Amino acid sequence: MGVSLVGRPLRELRRLSQQWRATRQGYGSCDCWPGESSATVEQPANRLRAFFDNRKAGNGIWKWSHYFEIYERHFSRFQGQEVHIAEIGIYSGGSLEMWRDYFGAKAHIYGVDIEPDCKAYERDGVKVFIGDQADRSFWREFCTKVPKLDIVMMVDMNTNNKLSVSKSSFRT
């Protein structure tokens, strides 16, 4: 009985340690989980990853590299179609350009940030809203101006309160 009480926490600690090291490295050195081999798996071209990797100037893009495969898997069906997407936490605005390039001219892209200077990232087909994601009145106003959303990405979730308020604002 004593071994199981000690063994389980040690295994969990090792697993968390692996996850922490991988997160610290940003998964930049390998696109696979620890223990898996990437040599036998040929990855298809990923337009979002290519846009990110080829970005040498302009507004910055802050994304974890392992997200690109997830984005591609879930968002590819929206390419070239009318799609309404909101990104909460746009920081330096580069991701808004990435989404515009990826989804195409029919896309309606909405950025949300608390920093008023982010309003400068508005372009044709890209609208930026300035407000606190933890403020329910902000979301009520946002929803009157943006009645439809197909994709909502919550990038800047550094407190549970913000997540709770943001999620509850989009319930149908």
N, C-alpha and C. Protein backbone atom coordinates (compact mmCIF):
# COMPACT_ATOMS: atom_id res chain seq x y z
N MET A 1 0.81 -1.19 0.00
CA MET A 1 0.00 0.00 0.00
C MET A 1 0.86 1.26 0.00
N GLY A 2 1.97 1.29 0.76
CA GLY A 2 2.85 2.44 0.80
C GLY A 2 3.50 2.74 -0.53
N VAL A 3 3.83 1.71 -1.31
CA VAL A 3 4.47 1.91 -2.61
C VAL A 3 3.51 2.61 -3.56
N SER A 4 2.26 2.20 -3.56
CA SER A 4 1.30 2.81 -4.46
C SER A 4 1.05 4.27 -4.11
N LEU A 5 1.05 4.63 -2.84
CA LEU A 5 0.85 6.02 -2.45
C LEU A 5 2.03 6.89 -2.86
N VAL A 6 3.23 6.34 -2.88
CA VAL A 6 4.42 7.08 -3.28
C VAL A 6 4.62 7.00 -4.80
N GLY A 7 4.39 5.82 -5.37
CA GLY A 7 4.64 5.61 -6.80
C GLY A 7 3.76 6.47 -7.70
N ARG A 8 2.48 6.58 -7.39
CA ARG A 8 1.57 7.36 -8.21
C ARG A 8 1.97 8.84 -8.27
N PRO A 9 2.22 9.49 -7.14
CA PRO A 9 2.65 10.90 -7.21
C PRO A 9 3.97 11.09 -7.95
N LEU A 10 4.89 10.14 -7.82
CA LEU A 10 6.16 10.26 -8.54
C LEU A 10 5.95 10.16 -10.04
N ARG A 11 5.11 9.23 -10.49
CA ARG A 11 4.82 9.12 -11.92
C ARG A 11 4.17 10.40 -12.45
N GLU A 12 3.24 10.95 -11.68
CA GLU A 12 2.57 12.19 -12.06
C GLU A 12 3.56 13.35 -12.12
N LEU A 13 4.47 13.40 -11.15
CA LEU A 13 5.49 14.44 -11.14
C LEU A 13 6.40 14.34 -12.36
N ARG A 14 6.79 13.11 -12.75
CA ARG A 14 7.62 12.93 -13.96
C ARG A 14 6.87 13.40 -15.20
N ARG A 15 5.56 13.05 -15.30
CA ARG A 15 4.75 13.44 -16.46
C ARG A 15 4.65 14.96 -16.54
N LEU A 16 4.38 15.60 -15.41
CA LEU A 16 4.28 17.06 -15.40
C LEU A 16 5.61 17.71 -15.73
N SER A 17 6.70 17.11 -15.29
CA SER A 17 8.03 17.62 -15.60
C SER A 17 8.29 17.58 -17.10
N GLN A 18 7.90 16.48 -17.76
CA GLN A 18 8.04 16.38 -19.22
C GLN A 18 7.21 17.45 -19.92
N GLN A 19 5.98 17.64 -19.47
CA GLN A 19 5.13 18.66 -20.08
C GLN A 19 5.73 20.05 -19.89
N TRP A 20 6.26 20.33 -18.70
CA TRP A 20 6.85 21.63 -18.45
C TRP A 20 8.05 21.87 -19.36
N ARG A 21 8.93 20.86 -19.50
CA ARG A 21 10.09 21.03 -20.38
C ARG A 21 9.65 21.26 -21.81
N ALA A 22 8.65 20.53 -22.28
CA ALA A 22 8.17 20.70 -23.65
C ALA A 22 7.57 22.08 -23.84
N THR A 23 6.80 22.54 -22.85
CA THR A 23 6.20 23.87 -22.94
C THR A 23 7.27 24.94 -22.94
N ARG A 24 8.28 24.78 -22.08
CA ARG A 24 9.37 25.76 -22.02
C ARG A 24 10.10 25.86 -23.35
N GLN A 25 10.23 24.75 -24.04
CA GLN A 25 10.89 24.74 -25.34
C GLN A 25 9.96 25.19 -26.46
N GLY A 26 8.67 25.31 -26.16
CA GLY A 26 7.70 25.75 -27.16
C GLY A 26 7.46 24.71 -28.23
N TYR A 27 7.78 23.47 -27.94
CA TYR A 27 7.64 22.39 -28.91
C TYR A 27 8.38 22.70 -30.21
N GLY A 28 9.33 23.63 -30.15
CA GLY A 28 10.03 24.05 -31.35
C GLY A 28 10.97 23.02 -31.92
N SER A 29 11.48 22.14 -31.08
CA SER A 29 12.47 21.19 -31.57
C SER A 29 11.86 19.94 -32.15
N CYS A 30 10.60 19.67 -31.84
CA CYS A 30 9.97 18.44 -32.31
C CYS A 30 8.47 18.64 -32.34
N ASP A 31 7.82 18.20 -33.42
CA ASP A 31 6.38 18.30 -33.52
C ASP A 31 5.70 17.02 -33.07
N CYS A 32 6.29 16.33 -32.09
CA CYS A 32 5.70 15.10 -31.59
C CYS A 32 5.77 15.10 -30.07
N TRP A 33 4.98 14.23 -29.46
CA TRP A 33 5.00 14.08 -28.01
C TRP A 33 6.22 13.29 -27.59
N PRO A 34 6.67 13.45 -26.35
CA PRO A 34 7.81 12.67 -25.87
C PRO A 34 7.57 11.18 -26.06
N GLY A 35 8.56 10.50 -26.58
CA GLY A 35 8.45 9.06 -26.80
C GLY A 35 7.98 8.68 -28.19
N GLU A 36 7.45 9.64 -28.96
CA GLU A 36 7.01 9.36 -30.32
C GLU A 36 8.11 9.78 -31.30
N SER A 37 8.14 9.13 -32.43
CA SER A 37 9.13 9.47 -33.44
C SER A 37 8.48 10.26 -34.55
N SER A 38 9.10 11.35 -34.96
CA SER A 38 8.56 12.15 -36.06
C SER A 38 9.17 11.74 -37.39
N ALA A 39 10.15 10.86 -37.39
CA ALA A 39 10.85 10.49 -38.62
C ALA A 39 9.94 9.72 -39.59
N THR A 40 8.97 8.99 -39.08
CA THR A 40 8.14 8.17 -39.96
C THR A 40 6.85 8.85 -40.37
N VAL A 41 6.53 10.00 -39.79
CA VAL A 41 5.28 10.68 -40.08
C VAL A 41 5.56 11.91 -40.94
N GLU A 42 5.06 11.90 -42.15
CA GLU A 42 5.21 13.04 -43.04
C GLU A 42 4.02 13.98 -42.84
N GLN A 43 4.27 15.19 -42.43
CA GLN A 43 3.21 16.14 -42.16
C GLN A 43 2.82 16.88 -43.45
N PRO A 44 1.51 17.02 -43.70
CA PRO A 44 1.08 17.79 -44.87
C PRO A 44 1.40 19.27 -44.68
N ALA A 45 1.41 20.00 -45.76
CA ALA A 45 1.70 21.43 -45.70
C ALA A 45 0.64 22.12 -44.84
N ASN A 46 1.07 23.04 -44.03
CA ASN A 46 0.17 23.78 -43.15
C ASN A 46 0.32 25.25 -43.49
N ARG A 47 -0.71 25.85 -44.09
CA ARG A 47 -0.63 27.24 -44.54
C ARG A 47 -0.40 28.22 -43.39
N LEU A 48 -1.01 27.95 -42.24
CA LEU A 48 -0.82 28.85 -41.10
C LEU A 48 0.62 28.81 -40.61
N ARG A 49 1.17 27.60 -40.53
CA ARG A 49 2.56 27.45 -40.09
C ARG A 49 3.50 28.11 -41.10
N ALA A 50 3.22 27.94 -42.38
CA ALA A 50 4.05 28.56 -43.41
C ALA A 50 4.01 30.09 -43.31
N PHE A 51 2.82 30.65 -43.10
CA PHE A 51 2.68 32.10 -42.94
C PHE A 51 3.51 32.57 -41.76
N PHE A 52 3.39 31.86 -40.64
CA PHE A 52 4.13 32.20 -39.42
C PHE A 52 5.63 32.11 -39.64
N ASP A 53 6.10 31.00 -40.23
CA ASP A 53 7.53 30.79 -40.44
C ASP A 53 8.14 31.79 -41.42
N ASN A 54 7.36 32.22 -42.41
CA ASN A 54 7.86 33.14 -43.43
C ASN A 54 7.74 34.60 -43.03
N ARG A 55 7.14 34.87 -41.90
CA ARG A 55 6.93 36.24 -41.43
C ARG A 55 8.27 36.81 -40.94
N LYS A 56 8.81 37.75 -41.67
CA LYS A 56 10.10 38.35 -41.31
C LYS A 56 9.97 39.83 -40.93
N ALA A 57 8.85 40.46 -41.27
CA ALA A 57 8.63 41.87 -40.97
C ALA A 57 7.14 42.09 -40.74
N GLY A 58 6.81 43.24 -40.20
CA GLY A 58 5.40 43.57 -39.97
C GLY A 58 4.98 43.29 -38.55
N ASN A 59 3.68 43.23 -38.34
CA ASN A 59 3.15 43.00 -37.00
C ASN A 59 3.49 41.60 -36.52
N GLY A 60 3.84 41.49 -35.26
CA GLY A 60 4.25 40.22 -34.69
C GLY A 60 3.10 39.23 -34.52
N ILE A 61 3.45 37.96 -34.53
CA ILE A 61 2.49 36.89 -34.29
C ILE A 61 3.03 36.07 -33.12
N TRP A 62 2.21 35.88 -32.10
CA TRP A 62 2.60 35.13 -30.90
C TRP A 62 1.72 33.90 -30.79
N LYS A 63 2.24 32.76 -31.23
CA LYS A 63 1.51 31.49 -31.17
C LYS A 63 2.47 30.38 -30.76
N TRP A 64 1.97 29.41 -30.01
CA TRP A 64 2.75 28.20 -29.73
C TRP A 64 2.78 27.38 -31.02
N SER A 65 3.93 26.85 -31.36
CA SER A 65 4.07 26.16 -32.65
C SER A 65 3.20 24.92 -32.76
N HIS A 66 2.89 24.26 -31.65
CA HIS A 66 2.06 23.05 -31.74
C HIS A 66 0.59 23.38 -31.99
N TYR A 67 0.18 24.65 -31.91
CA TYR A 67 -1.20 25.02 -32.20
C TYR A 67 -1.52 24.97 -33.69
N PHE A 68 -0.53 25.14 -34.55
CA PHE A 68 -0.81 25.25 -35.98
C PHE A 68 -1.49 24.00 -36.54
N GLU A 69 -1.07 22.84 -36.09
CA GLU A 69 -1.71 21.60 -36.53
C GLU A 69 -3.16 21.54 -36.06
N ILE A 70 -3.40 21.98 -34.85
CA ILE A 70 -4.76 22.00 -34.29
C ILE A 70 -5.63 22.99 -35.05
N TYR A 71 -5.11 24.18 -35.30
CA TYR A 71 -5.85 25.16 -36.08
C TYR A 71 -6.21 24.58 -37.45
N GLU A 72 -5.23 24.01 -38.12
CA GLU A 72 -5.46 23.45 -39.46
C GLU A 72 -6.56 22.38 -39.42
N ARG A 73 -6.48 21.50 -38.45
CA ARG A 73 -7.44 20.40 -38.35
C ARG A 73 -8.87 20.92 -38.19
N HIS A 74 -9.05 21.94 -37.37
CA HIS A 74 -10.40 22.41 -37.07
C HIS A 74 -10.90 23.56 -37.95
N PHE A 75 -10.00 24.33 -38.54
CA PHE A 75 -10.41 25.52 -39.28
C PHE A 75 -10.35 25.37 -40.79
N SER A 76 -9.70 24.35 -41.32
CA SER A 76 -9.50 24.25 -42.77
C SER A 76 -10.82 24.23 -43.54
N ARG A 77 -11.87 23.70 -42.95
CA ARG A 77 -13.17 23.63 -43.66
C ARG A 77 -13.78 25.00 -43.90
N PHE A 78 -13.29 26.03 -43.21
CA PHE A 78 -13.81 27.38 -43.36
C PHE A 78 -13.06 28.20 -44.42
N GLN A 79 -11.98 27.68 -44.96
CA GLN A 79 -11.17 28.43 -45.93
C GLN A 79 -12.00 28.77 -47.16
N GLY A 80 -11.88 30.02 -47.60
CA GLY A 80 -12.56 30.46 -48.82
C GLY A 80 -14.06 30.66 -48.66
N GLN A 81 -14.58 30.46 -47.46
CA GLN A 81 -16.02 30.63 -47.22
C GLN A 81 -16.26 31.87 -46.38
N GLU A 82 -17.52 32.28 -46.31
CA GLU A 82 -17.86 33.36 -45.38
C GLU A 82 -17.79 32.78 -43.97
N VAL A 83 -16.91 33.32 -43.18
CA VAL A 83 -16.70 32.85 -41.81
C VAL A 83 -16.54 34.07 -40.91
N HIS A 84 -17.08 33.97 -39.71
CA HIS A 84 -16.99 35.05 -38.73
C HIS A 84 -16.14 34.54 -37.57
N ILE A 85 -15.00 35.17 -37.36
CA ILE A 85 -14.03 34.69 -36.37
C ILE A 85 -13.65 35.83 -35.42
N ALA A 86 -13.60 35.52 -34.13
CA ALA A 86 -13.16 36.49 -33.12
C ALA A 86 -11.94 35.95 -32.41
N GLU A 87 -10.94 36.81 -32.28
CA GLU A 87 -9.76 36.46 -31.50
C GLU A 87 -9.66 37.44 -30.34
N ILE A 88 -9.68 36.88 -29.13
CA ILE A 88 -9.63 37.70 -27.93
C ILE A 88 -8.18 37.73 -27.45
N GLY A 89 -7.61 38.94 -27.43
CA GLY A 89 -6.20 39.10 -27.07
C GLY A 89 -5.35 39.14 -28.33
N ILE A 90 -5.29 40.29 -29.01
CA ILE A 90 -4.61 40.35 -30.32
C ILE A 90 -3.20 40.91 -30.24
N TYR A 91 -2.83 41.46 -29.13
CA TYR A 91 -1.49 41.96 -28.83
C TYR A 91 -0.88 42.81 -29.93
N SER A 92 -0.07 42.23 -30.81
CA SER A 92 0.62 43.02 -31.83
C SER A 92 -0.01 42.93 -33.21
N GLY A 93 -1.15 42.29 -33.34
CA GLY A 93 -1.96 42.35 -34.55
C GLY A 93 -1.59 41.43 -35.70
N GLY A 94 -0.45 40.77 -35.63
CA GLY A 94 -0.02 39.93 -36.74
C GLY A 94 -0.92 38.74 -37.00
N SER A 95 -1.53 38.21 -35.95
CA SER A 95 -2.40 37.05 -36.15
C SER A 95 -3.66 37.43 -36.93
N LEU A 96 -4.12 38.67 -36.81
CA LEU A 96 -5.27 39.11 -37.59
C LEU A 96 -4.96 39.03 -39.08
N GLU A 97 -3.74 39.41 -39.45
CA GLU A 97 -3.31 39.31 -40.85
C GLU A 97 -3.17 37.85 -41.27
N MET A 98 -2.70 37.01 -40.35
CA MET A 98 -2.56 35.59 -40.64
C MET A 98 -3.93 34.97 -40.90
N TRP A 99 -4.93 35.29 -40.05
CA TRP A 99 -6.28 34.74 -40.25
C TRP A 99 -6.87 35.24 -41.56
N ARG A 100 -6.65 36.52 -41.90
CA ARG A 100 -7.17 37.08 -43.15
C ARG A 100 -6.59 36.33 -44.35
N ASP A 101 -5.30 36.08 -44.31
CA ASP A 101 -4.64 35.35 -45.39
C ASP A 101 -5.17 33.92 -45.46
N TYR A 102 -5.35 33.29 -44.33
CA TYR A 102 -5.76 31.88 -44.27
C TYR A 102 -7.21 31.67 -44.71
N PHE A 103 -8.12 32.47 -44.17
CA PHE A 103 -9.54 32.26 -44.46
C PHE A 103 -9.98 32.89 -45.77
N GLY A 104 -9.32 33.95 -46.19
CA GLY A 104 -9.64 34.57 -47.48
C GLY A 104 -10.51 35.81 -47.37
N ALA A 105 -10.85 36.36 -48.53
CA ALA A 105 -11.54 37.65 -48.62
C ALA A 105 -12.96 37.63 -48.07
N LYS A 106 -13.59 36.47 -47.99
CA LYS A 106 -14.96 36.39 -47.48
C LYS A 106 -15.03 36.38 -45.95
N ALA A 107 -13.89 36.29 -45.30
CA ALA A 107 -13.85 36.19 -43.84
C ALA A 107 -14.13 37.54 -43.18
N HIS A 108 -14.83 37.48 -42.06
CA HIS A 108 -15.07 38.64 -41.20
C HIS A 108 -14.30 38.36 -39.91
N ILE A 109 -13.28 39.15 -39.66
CA ILE A 109 -12.39 38.90 -38.53
C ILE A 109 -12.56 40.01 -37.51
N TYR A 110 -12.76 39.61 -36.25
CA TYR A 110 -12.95 40.54 -35.16
C TYR A 110 -11.87 40.30 -34.11
N GLY A 111 -11.15 41.34 -33.78
CA GLY A 111 -10.15 41.26 -32.74
C GLY A 111 -10.65 41.98 -31.50
N VAL A 112 -10.31 41.45 -30.34
CA VAL A 112 -10.70 42.07 -29.07
C VAL A 112 -9.43 42.23 -28.23
N ASP A 113 -9.23 43.43 -27.69
CA ASP A 113 -8.09 43.67 -26.82
C ASP A 113 -8.42 44.83 -25.89
N ILE A 114 -7.76 44.87 -24.76
CA ILE A 114 -7.97 45.95 -23.78
C ILE A 114 -7.12 47.17 -24.12
N GLU A 115 -6.09 46.99 -24.93
CA GLU A 115 -5.15 48.06 -25.28
C GLU A 115 -5.71 48.92 -26.42
N PRO A 116 -6.00 50.21 -26.16
CA PRO A 116 -6.58 51.08 -27.20
C PRO A 116 -5.74 51.18 -28.48
N ASP A 117 -4.43 51.07 -28.38
CA ASP A 117 -3.58 51.18 -29.58
C ASP A 117 -3.84 50.06 -30.57
N CYS A 118 -4.45 48.97 -30.15
CA CYS A 118 -4.73 47.86 -31.06
C CYS A 118 -5.76 48.22 -32.13
N LYS A 119 -6.47 49.32 -31.94
CA LYS A 119 -7.44 49.79 -32.94
C LYS A 119 -6.73 50.04 -34.28
N ALA A 120 -5.43 50.30 -34.23
CA ALA A 120 -4.65 50.56 -35.44
C ALA A 120 -4.58 49.36 -36.38
N TYR A 121 -4.94 48.16 -35.89
CA TYR A 121 -4.84 46.96 -36.71
C TYR A 121 -6.08 46.72 -37.57
N GLU A 122 -7.06 47.61 -37.50
CA GLU A 122 -8.25 47.46 -38.34
C GLU A 122 -7.88 47.63 -39.80
N ARG A 123 -8.45 46.80 -40.62
CA ARG A 123 -8.26 46.83 -42.07
C ARG A 123 -9.59 46.43 -42.70
N ASP A 124 -9.61 46.36 -44.00
CA ASP A 124 -10.78 45.87 -44.71
C ASP A 124 -11.04 44.42 -44.28
N GLY A 125 -12.21 44.16 -43.74
CA GLY A 125 -12.56 42.81 -43.30
C GLY A 125 -12.08 42.47 -41.90
N VAL A 126 -11.40 43.42 -41.24
CA VAL A 126 -10.90 43.20 -39.87
C VAL A 126 -11.37 44.35 -39.00
N LYS A 127 -12.16 44.05 -37.98
CA LYS A 127 -12.68 45.05 -37.04
C LYS A 127 -12.12 44.76 -35.66
N VAL A 128 -11.63 45.79 -34.98
CA VAL A 128 -11.06 45.64 -33.65
C VAL A 128 -11.95 46.33 -32.63
N PHE A 129 -12.25 45.60 -31.56
CA PHE A 129 -13.04 46.12 -30.45
C PHE A 129 -12.13 46.25 -29.23
N ILE A 130 -12.22 47.39 -28.56
CA ILE A 130 -11.40 47.64 -27.39
C ILE A 130 -12.29 47.49 -26.15
N GLY A 131 -11.87 46.59 -25.26
CA GLY A 131 -12.63 46.38 -24.03
C GLY A 131 -11.99 45.30 -23.18
N ASP A 132 -12.46 45.23 -21.95
CA ASP A 132 -11.97 44.25 -20.98
C ASP A 132 -12.79 42.97 -21.12
N GLN A 133 -12.13 41.86 -21.36
CA GLN A 133 -12.85 40.60 -21.56
C GLN A 133 -13.53 40.11 -20.28
N ALA A 134 -13.23 40.70 -19.14
CA ALA A 134 -13.90 40.34 -17.89
C ALA A 134 -15.12 41.23 -17.62
N ASP A 135 -15.46 42.12 -18.57
CA ASP A 135 -16.55 43.07 -18.40
C ASP A 135 -17.78 42.60 -19.19
N ARG A 136 -18.80 42.18 -18.48
CA ARG A 136 -20.02 41.66 -19.13
C ARG A 136 -20.70 42.71 -20.00
N SER A 137 -20.67 43.98 -19.60
CA SER A 137 -21.32 45.02 -20.41
C SER A 137 -20.58 45.20 -21.74
N PHE A 138 -19.25 45.03 -21.73
CA PHE A 138 -18.50 45.07 -22.98
C PHE A 138 -19.00 43.98 -23.93
N TRP A 139 -19.17 42.76 -23.41
CA TRP A 139 -19.61 41.65 -24.25
C TRP A 139 -21.04 41.83 -24.75
N ARG A 140 -21.90 42.43 -23.93
CA ARG A 140 -23.27 42.69 -24.40
C ARG A 140 -23.24 43.62 -25.60
N GLU A 141 -22.43 44.67 -25.52
CA GLU A 141 -22.31 45.60 -26.64
C GLU A 141 -21.67 44.92 -27.85
N PHE A 142 -20.63 44.14 -27.61
CA PHE A 142 -19.96 43.41 -28.69
C PHE A 142 -20.97 42.53 -29.44
N CYS A 143 -21.80 41.83 -28.70
CA CYS A 143 -22.76 40.90 -29.32
C CYS A 143 -23.85 41.62 -30.12
N THR A 144 -24.12 42.88 -29.80
CA THR A 144 -25.08 43.63 -30.62
C THR A 144 -24.46 44.04 -31.96
N LYS A 145 -23.15 44.21 -31.97
CA LYS A 145 -22.45 44.63 -33.19
C LYS A 145 -21.96 43.45 -34.02
N VAL A 146 -21.81 42.29 -33.39
CA VAL A 146 -21.33 41.08 -34.06
C VAL A 146 -22.33 39.96 -33.72
N PRO A 147 -23.40 39.88 -34.49
CA PRO A 147 -24.46 38.93 -34.13
C PRO A 147 -24.14 37.46 -34.42
N LYS A 148 -23.11 37.20 -35.22
CA LYS A 148 -22.80 35.83 -35.58
C LYS A 148 -21.30 35.57 -35.45
N LEU A 149 -20.95 34.43 -34.86
CA LEU A 149 -19.55 34.00 -34.79
C LEU A 149 -19.49 32.50 -35.05
N ASP A 150 -18.56 32.11 -35.92
CA ASP A 150 -18.32 30.69 -36.19
C ASP A 150 -17.17 30.16 -35.36
N ILE A 151 -16.18 31.01 -35.10
CA ILE A 151 -14.98 30.62 -34.36
C ILE A 151 -14.67 31.72 -33.34
N VAL A 152 -14.42 31.31 -32.10
CA VAL A 152 -13.97 32.24 -31.06
C VAL A 152 -12.70 31.65 -30.47
N MET A 153 -11.63 32.43 -30.53
CA MET A 153 -10.36 32.01 -29.92
C MET A 153 -10.06 32.91 -28.75
N MET A 154 -9.87 32.31 -27.61
CA MET A 154 -9.54 33.06 -26.40
C MET A 154 -8.06 32.89 -26.12
N VAL A 155 -7.29 33.83 -26.61
CA VAL A 155 -5.84 33.74 -26.56
C VAL A 155 -5.29 34.17 -25.22
N ASP A 156 -5.82 35.22 -24.65
CA ASP A 156 -5.26 35.85 -23.46
C ASP A 156 -6.07 35.50 -22.22
N MET A 157 -6.03 34.27 -21.81
CA MET A 157 -6.79 33.82 -20.64
C MET A 157 -5.86 33.64 -19.46
N ASN A 158 -5.55 34.72 -18.76
CA ASN A 158 -4.63 34.58 -17.64
C ASN A 158 -5.32 34.57 -16.28
N THR A 159 -6.64 34.65 -16.25
CA THR A 159 -7.36 34.47 -14.99
C THR A 159 -8.64 33.70 -15.26
N ASN A 160 -9.08 32.93 -14.28
CA ASN A 160 -10.32 32.17 -14.42
C ASN A 160 -11.53 33.08 -14.56
N ASN A 161 -11.51 34.25 -13.93
CA ASN A 161 -12.64 35.17 -14.03
C ASN A 161 -12.84 35.63 -15.47
N LYS A 162 -11.76 35.97 -16.15
CA LYS A 162 -11.87 36.39 -17.56
C LYS A 162 -12.44 35.27 -18.40
N LEU A 163 -11.95 34.05 -18.19
CA LEU A 163 -12.43 32.90 -18.94
C LEU A 163 -13.91 32.68 -18.68
N SER A 164 -14.32 32.75 -17.44
CA SER A 164 -15.71 32.54 -17.07
C SER A 164 -16.62 33.58 -17.71
N VAL A 165 -16.26 34.85 -17.63
CA VAL A 165 -17.07 35.91 -18.20
C VAL A 165 -17.11 35.80 -19.72
N SER A 166 -15.95 35.58 -20.35
CA SER A 166 -15.91 35.48 -21.81
C SER A 166 -16.74 34.31 -22.31
N LYS A 167 -16.57 33.13 -21.68
CA LYS A 167 -17.33 31.95 -22.11
C LYS A 167 -18.83 32.15 -21.93
N SER A 168 -19.25 32.69 -20.80
CA SER A 168 -20.68 32.85 -20.55
C SER A 168 -21.29 33.89 -21.49
N SER A 169 -20.51 34.79 -22.00
CA SER A 169 -21.01 35.81 -22.93
C SER A 169 -21.39 35.24 -24.28
N PHE A 170 -20.86 34.07 -24.63
CA PHE A 170 -21.12 33.48 -25.94
C PHE A 170 -22.08 32.31 -25.89
N ARG A 171 -22.67 32.04 -24.76
CA ARG A 171 -23.65 30.93 -24.68
C ARG A 171 -24.87 31.27 -25.49
N THR A 172 -25.44 30.24 -26.11
CA THR A 172 -26.64 30.46 -26.90
C THR A 172 -27.88 29.98 -26.18
